[in-house]
Amino acid sequence: LRQNEGRISRRLPVTTSSDTGVELLPVEITPDEPKEPVAALTPSLSTQTTVSASSCKVEFRHGNMTLENPSPELLTVLIRELTGRGR
């Protein structure tokens, strides 16, 4: 319950329509600028099994959000919420 201009009202339930199409957003992974020569990085990249990002940029219709050094858990939650699977 919340009070609005002297009247007590209930919040309306959140309505979601399952017939609206899910729109996948384009994702682009841009590697950081190498701090060493590429030849020195080649052996370590071939043995590396996981890829990590130092930043994650999400573009919305009316703005942008950039996360610096996001944890894998935060990225998982972000993807889940943006795809609507968290409901």
Protein backbone atom coordinates (compact mmCIF):
# COMPACT_ATOMS: atom_id res chain seq x y z
CA LEU A 1 0.00 0.00 0.00
CA ARG A 2 1.15 3.52 -0.63
CA GLN A 3 -0.34 6.88 0.02
CA ASN A 4 -0.78 9.23 -2.91
CA GLU A 5 -2.20 12.72 -2.31
CA GLY A 6 -4.14 11.65 0.77
CA ARG A 7 -5.59 8.52 -0.85
CA ILE A 8 -4.37 5.04 -0.06
CA SER A 9 -3.94 2.93 -3.15
CA ARG A 10 -2.53 -0.46 -4.03
CA ARG A 11 0.11 -0.95 -6.65
CA LEU A 12 -1.15 -2.61 -9.78
CA PRO A 13 0.37 -6.01 -10.48
CA VAL A 14 3.14 -6.08 -13.03
CA THR A 15 1.75 -7.23 -16.33
CA THR A 16 3.88 -9.00 -18.84
CA SER A 17 2.68 -10.17 -22.18
CA SER A 18 4.07 -13.50 -23.27
CA ASP A 19 3.01 -12.93 -26.88
CA THR A 20 5.47 -10.08 -27.36
CA GLY A 21 8.46 -11.26 -29.33
CA VAL A 22 11.78 -11.47 -27.56
CA GLU A 23 14.29 -9.21 -29.22
CA LEU A 24 17.90 -10.27 -29.01
CA LEU A 25 20.31 -7.41 -28.62
CA PRO A 26 23.53 -7.27 -30.63
CA VAL A 27 26.62 -8.05 -28.58
CA GLU A 28 30.11 -7.03 -29.54
CA ILE A 29 33.21 -8.14 -27.64
CA THR A 30 36.12 -5.79 -28.10
CA PRO A 31 39.44 -6.94 -26.69
CA ASP A 32 41.58 -4.56 -24.68
CA GLU A 33 44.55 -2.98 -26.35
CA PRO A 34 47.53 -5.31 -25.95
CA LYS A 35 50.18 -4.02 -23.58
CA GLU A 36 52.79 -6.39 -25.01
CA PRO A 37 53.73 -7.20 -28.59
CA VAL A 38 51.29 -9.62 -30.21
CA ALA A 39 54.03 -12.22 -30.73
CA ALA A 40 54.57 -12.40 -26.97
CA LEU A 41 50.84 -12.90 -26.34
CA THR A 42 50.27 -15.70 -28.84
CA PRO A 43 51.48 -18.62 -26.65
CA SER A 44 49.43 -17.53 -23.63
CA LEU A 45 46.27 -17.03 -25.71
CA SER A 46 46.45 -20.53 -27.18
CA THR A 47 46.53 -22.13 -23.72
CA GLN A 48 43.92 -19.85 -22.15
CA THR A 49 40.57 -21.59 -21.59
CA THR A 50 38.42 -18.70 -20.39
CA VAL A 51 37.92 -15.20 -21.69
CA SER A 52 37.37 -12.29 -19.35
CA ALA A 53 36.27 -8.76 -20.12
CA SER A 54 37.60 -5.69 -18.38
CA SER A 55 34.46 -3.73 -19.25
CA CYS A 56 30.92 -4.38 -20.41
CA LYS A 57 29.01 -1.72 -22.31
CA VAL A 58 25.23 -2.00 -22.66
CA GLU A 59 23.48 0.35 -25.05
CA PHE A 60 19.84 1.18 -24.36
CA ARG A 61 17.46 3.25 -26.44
CA HIS A 62 17.99 6.35 -24.30
CA GLY A 63 21.42 5.84 -22.78
CA ASN A 64 24.45 3.66 -22.18
CA MET A 65 25.79 1.74 -19.20
CA THR A 66 29.41 0.67 -18.83
CA LEU A 67 30.54 -1.77 -16.14
CA GLU A 68 34.25 -1.79 -15.35
CA ASN A 69 35.74 -5.16 -14.34
CA PRO A 70 32.38 -6.94 -13.92
CA SER A 71 32.44 -10.28 -12.14
CA PRO A 72 31.11 -13.37 -13.95
CA GLU A 73 28.23 -13.46 -11.46
CA LEU A 74 27.26 -9.85 -12.28
CA LEU A 75 27.40 -10.57 -16.01
CA THR A 76 25.18 -13.63 -15.49
CA VAL A 77 22.59 -11.57 -13.60
CA LEU A 78 22.75 -8.79 -16.19
CA ILE A 79 22.15 -11.19 -19.08
CA ARG A 80 19.35 -12.94 -17.20
CA GLU A 81 17.57 -9.65 -16.44
CA LEU A 82 18.01 -8.21 -19.94
CA THR A 83 16.62 -11.36 -21.55
CA GLY A 84 13.64 -11.45 -19.19
CA ARG A 85 14.52 -14.82 -17.66
CA GLY A 86 14.65 -13.41 -14.13
CA ARG A 87 10.86 -13.19 -13.83
